[in-house]
Every structure is written in C-alpha cells, then in structure tokens.
C-alpha cells in the first residue's frame, strides 16, 4: 500500500514539475501572465514534494522497503527548494539549467518508482 502512495506522489510531482517548464516556456514566449502560474505552481510543487518525502519514509520504515526512495526524495525536495529560491532571486543563469536537471531527475525517479521490481 505504501509503495502505491509513493508512486502516486512521484507521479503528481512529475506532472507539476513538467507544468513548471510549460509555464516558464509560455512566459518566455511572451505570455507574461504565465509567470504568476509558474510562481503558484512552484509552491504547490514544493508542497507535493514534501508529501513525496513522507510517503518515501513510509515505504522505508514501517513498510520495510528500501531506503533509496527516502534519500532521493529528500534530495529532490532540497534541490527544489534551492530552485525556488533561485527563481525568486531571478538568478536565471542557474535557475534555467537547474530546472532542466530537475525535470531529468524526476523522470528518472518516476521510471524507477514504477519498475515492477518495486512492488
């Protein structure tokens, strides 16, 4: 049951993370109101990643599952918090490439979480 919750949390975080790129791209294309959506979705994504950490801990401790979901989820949360900070500081030289790395990371986590061997 806990692995299902973790998978759901990772999936939601992946969708929200992808939406961040869509909002940012729309803003850069001249749809300036999308910056507000990007900002709001950032807060929601960080909150969802905190939920992902909680579900990962549940997989590990009471669920007697592997530790890796917890470690990766905590790292993801920390990098996402840094990304949010950089965005508010308008440090785009780091914010944009880090956003690309975050998307790559969440895709890898999504694939790993949904592997049949982790049932």
C-alpha atoms as a PDB file:
ATOM      1  CA  UNK A   1       0.000   0.000   0.000  1.00  0.00           C
ATOM      2  CA  UNK A   2       2.760   2.483   0.875  1.00  0.00           C
ATOM      3  CA  UNK A   3       4.550   1.917  -2.432  1.00  0.00           C
ATOM      4  CA  UNK A   4       1.317   2.829  -4.211  1.00  0.00           C
ATOM      5  CA  UNK A   5       1.162   6.095  -2.277  1.00  0.00           C
ATOM      6  CA  UNK A   6       4.795   6.798  -3.124  1.00  0.00           C
ATOM      7  CA  UNK A   7       4.160   6.103  -6.798  1.00  0.00           C
ATOM      8  CA  UNK A   8       1.146   8.413  -6.752  1.00  0.00           C
ATOM      9  CA  UNK A   9       3.172  11.158  -5.050  1.00  0.00           C
ATOM     10  CA  UNK A  10       6.035  10.821  -7.558  1.00  0.00           C
ATOM     11  CA  UNK A  11       3.568  10.938 -10.448  1.00  0.00           C
ATOM     12  CA  UNK A  12       1.891  14.092  -9.124  1.00  0.00           C
ATOM     13  CA  UNK A  13       5.283  15.757  -8.540  1.00  0.00           C
ATOM     14  CA  UNK A  14       6.371  14.801 -12.068  1.00  0.00           C
ATOM     15  CA  UNK A  15       3.233  16.341 -13.589  1.00  0.00           C
ATOM     16  CA  UNK A  16       3.643  19.523 -11.537  1.00  0.00           C
ATOM     17  CA  UNK A  17       7.342  19.714 -12.454  1.00  0.00           C
ATOM     18  CA  UNK A  18       6.560  19.354 -16.153  1.00  0.00           C
ATOM     19  CA  UNK A  19       3.902  22.064 -15.783  1.00  0.00           C
ATOM     20  CA  UNK A  20       6.622  24.355 -14.420  1.00  0.00           C
ATOM     21  CA  UNK A  21       8.513  24.035 -17.694  1.00  0.00           C
ATOM     22  CA  UNK A  22       5.339  24.693 -19.691  1.00  0.00           C
ATOM     23  CA  UNK A  23       4.540  27.819 -17.659  1.00  0.00           C
ATOM     24  CA  UNK A  24       8.122  29.073 -17.947  1.00  0.00           C
ATOM     25  CA  UNK A  25       8.194  28.439 -21.679  1.00  0.00           C
ATOM     26  CA  UNK A  26       4.887  30.216 -22.146  1.00  0.00           C
ATOM     27  CA  UNK A  27       6.200  33.191 -20.164  1.00  0.00           C
ATOM     28  CA  UNK A  28       9.364  33.313 -22.260  1.00  0.00           C
ATOM     29  CA  UNK A  29       7.187  33.183 -25.399  1.00  0.00           C
ATOM     30  CA  UNK A  30       5.507  36.427 -24.398  1.00  0.00           C
ATOM     31  CA  UNK A  31       2.536  35.234 -22.345  1.00  0.00           C
ATOM     32  CA  UNK A  32       3.562  37.273 -19.324  1.00  0.00           C
ATOM     33  CA  UNK A  33       0.640  36.205 -17.122  1.00  0.00           C
ATOM     34  CA  UNK A  34       2.164  32.718 -17.070  1.00  0.00           C
ATOM     35  CA  UNK A  35       4.825  33.927 -14.626  1.00  0.00           C
ATOM     36  CA  UNK A  36       2.110  34.053 -11.948  1.00  0.00           C
ATOM     37  CA  UNK A  37       1.121  30.463 -12.735  1.00  0.00           C
ATOM     38  CA  UNK A  38       4.790  29.466 -12.633  1.00  0.00           C
ATOM     39  CA  UNK A  39       5.159  31.069  -9.195  1.00  0.00           C
ATOM     40  CA  UNK A  40       1.986  29.486  -7.778  1.00  0.00           C
ATOM     41  CA  UNK A  41       2.793  26.084  -9.219  1.00  0.00           C
ATOM     42  CA  UNK A  42       6.247  26.310  -7.661  1.00  0.00           C
ATOM     43  CA  UNK A  43       4.702  26.500  -4.196  1.00  0.00           C
ATOM     44  CA  UNK A  44       2.368  23.605  -4.959  1.00  0.00           C
ATOM     45  CA  UNK A  45       5.243  21.522  -6.359  1.00  0.00           C
ATOM     46  CA  UNK A  46       7.398  22.068  -3.262  1.00  0.00           C
ATOM     47  CA  UNK A  47       4.451  21.063  -1.044  1.00  0.00           C
ATOM     48  CA  UNK A  48       3.804  17.972  -3.150  1.00  0.00           C
ATOM     49  CA  UNK A  49       7.476  17.019  -2.948  1.00  0.00           C
ATOM     50  CA  UNK A  50       7.243  17.262   0.862  1.00  0.00           C
ATOM     51  CA  UNK A  51       4.351  14.786   0.677  1.00  0.00           C
ATOM     52  CA  UNK A  52       6.556  12.615  -1.539  1.00  0.00           C
ATOM     53  CA  UNK A  53       9.209  12.614   1.198  1.00  0.00           C
ATOM     54  CA  UNK A  54       6.625  11.487   3.760  1.00  0.00           C
ATOM     55  CA  UNK A  55       5.419   8.645   1.527  1.00  0.00           C
ATOM     56  CA  UNK A  56       9.018   7.598   0.869  1.00  0.00           C
ATOM     57  CA  UNK A  57       9.690   7.420   4.611  1.00  0.00           C
ATOM     58  CA  UNK A  58       6.576   5.252   4.967  1.00  0.00           C
ATOM     59  CA  UNK A  59       7.922   2.889   2.305  1.00  0.00           C
ATOM     60  CA  UNK A  60      11.227   2.656   4.148  1.00  0.00           C
ATOM     61  CA  UNK A  61      10.436   2.470   7.871  1.00  0.00           C
ATOM     62  CA  UNK A  62       7.070   0.912   8.603  1.00  0.00           C
ATOM     63  CA  UNK A  63       6.902  -0.609   5.123  1.00  0.00           C
ATOM     64  CA  UNK A  64      10.330  -2.258   5.464  1.00  0.00           C
ATOM     65  CA  UNK A  65      11.142  -1.203   1.935  1.00  0.00           C
ATOM     66  CA  UNK A  66      14.378   0.140   0.504  1.00  0.00           C
ATOM     67  CA  UNK A  67      15.945   3.391   1.686  1.00  0.00           C
ATOM     68  CA  UNK A  68      16.561   4.825  -1.789  1.00  0.00           C
ATOM     69  CA  UNK A  69      13.091   6.438  -2.175  1.00  0.00           C
ATOM     70  CA  UNK A  70      13.654   8.405   1.022  1.00  0.00           C
ATOM     71  CA  UNK A  71      17.159   9.532   0.109  1.00  0.00           C
ATOM     72  CA  UNK A  72      16.205  10.561  -3.409  1.00  0.00           C
ATOM     73  CA  UNK A  73      13.010  12.287  -2.262  1.00  0.00           C
ATOM     74  CA  UNK A  74      14.840  14.330   0.374  1.00  0.00           C
ATOM     75  CA  UNK A  75      17.474  15.305  -2.201  1.00  0.00           C
ATOM     76  CA  UNK A  76      14.756  16.246  -4.704  1.00  0.00           C
ATOM     77  CA  UNK A  77      12.977  18.368  -2.076  1.00  0.00           C
ATOM     78  CA  UNK A  78      16.225  20.169  -1.212  1.00  0.00           C
ATOM     79  CA  UNK A  79      17.098  20.878  -4.849  1.00  0.00           C
ATOM     80  CA  UNK A  80      13.548  22.062  -5.497  1.00  0.00           C
ATOM     81  CA  UNK A  81      13.747  24.432  -2.530  1.00  0.00           C
ATOM     82  CA  UNK A  82      17.039  25.776  -3.923  1.00  0.00           C
ATOM     83  CA  UNK A  83      15.425  26.135  -7.344  1.00  0.00           C
ATOM     84  CA  UNK A  84      12.559  28.120  -5.846  1.00  0.00           C
ATOM     85  CA  UNK A  85      14.997  30.397  -4.032  1.00  0.00           C
ATOM     86  CA  UNK A  86      16.959  30.975  -7.237  1.00  0.00           C
ATOM     87  CA  UNK A  87      13.771  31.752  -9.126  1.00  0.00           C
ATOM     88  CA  UNK A  88      12.686  34.396  -6.633  1.00  0.00           C
ATOM     89  CA  UNK A  89      16.212  35.868  -6.762  1.00  0.00           C
ATOM     90  CA  UNK A  90      15.925  35.922 -10.572  1.00  0.00           C
ATOM     91  CA  UNK A  91      19.204  34.013 -10.873  1.00  0.00           C
ATOM     92  CA  UNK A  92      18.206  32.720 -14.295  1.00  0.00           C
ATOM     93  CA  UNK A  93      21.728  31.659 -15.270  1.00  0.00           C
ATOM     94  CA  UNK A  94      21.418  28.877 -12.676  1.00  0.00           C
ATOM     95  CA  UNK A  95      17.622  28.606 -12.420  1.00  0.00           C
ATOM     96  CA  UNK A  96      17.038  27.579 -16.045  1.00  0.00           C
ATOM     97  CA  UNK A  97      19.692  24.832 -16.334  1.00  0.00           C
ATOM     98  CA  UNK A  98      18.847  23.538 -12.855  1.00  0.00           C
ATOM     99  CA  UNK A  99      15.212  23.323 -13.957  1.00  0.00           C
ATOM    100  CA  UNK A 100      16.283  21.127 -16.853  1.00  0.00           C
ATOM    101  CA  UNK A 101      18.235  18.870 -14.489  1.00  0.00           C
ATOM    102  CA  UNK A 102      15.240  18.696 -12.133  1.00  0.00           C
ATOM    103  CA  UNK A 103      12.984  17.501 -14.938  1.00  0.00           C
ATOM    104  CA  UNK A 104      15.521  14.856 -15.932  1.00  0.00           C
ATOM    105  CA  UNK A 105      15.780  13.764 -12.300  1.00  0.00           C
ATOM    106  CA  UNK A 106      12.036  13.458 -11.751  1.00  0.00           C
ATOM    107  CA  UNK A 107      11.663  11.429 -14.954  1.00  0.00           C
ATOM    108  CA  UNK A 108      14.353   9.026 -13.722  1.00  0.00           C
ATOM    109  CA  UNK A 109      12.662   8.807 -10.323  1.00  0.00           C
ATOM    110  CA  UNK A 110       9.294   8.208 -11.955  1.00  0.00           C
ATOM    111  CA  UNK A 111      10.678   5.363 -14.062  1.00  0.00           C
ATOM    112  CA  UNK A 112      12.454   3.812 -11.065  1.00  0.00           C
ATOM    113  CA  UNK A 113       9.389   4.104  -8.812  1.00  0.00           C
ATOM    114  CA  UNK A 114       7.143   2.383 -11.346  1.00  0.00           C
ATOM    115  CA  UNK A 115       9.503  -0.506 -12.114  1.00  0.00           C
ATOM    116  CA  UNK A 116       7.735  -3.811 -11.442  1.00  0.00           C
ATOM    117  CA  UNK A 117      10.586  -4.952  -9.177  1.00  0.00           C
ATOM    118  CA  UNK A 118       9.469  -2.367  -6.572  1.00  0.00           C
ATOM    119  CA  UNK A 119       6.027  -3.847  -5.932  1.00  0.00           C
END
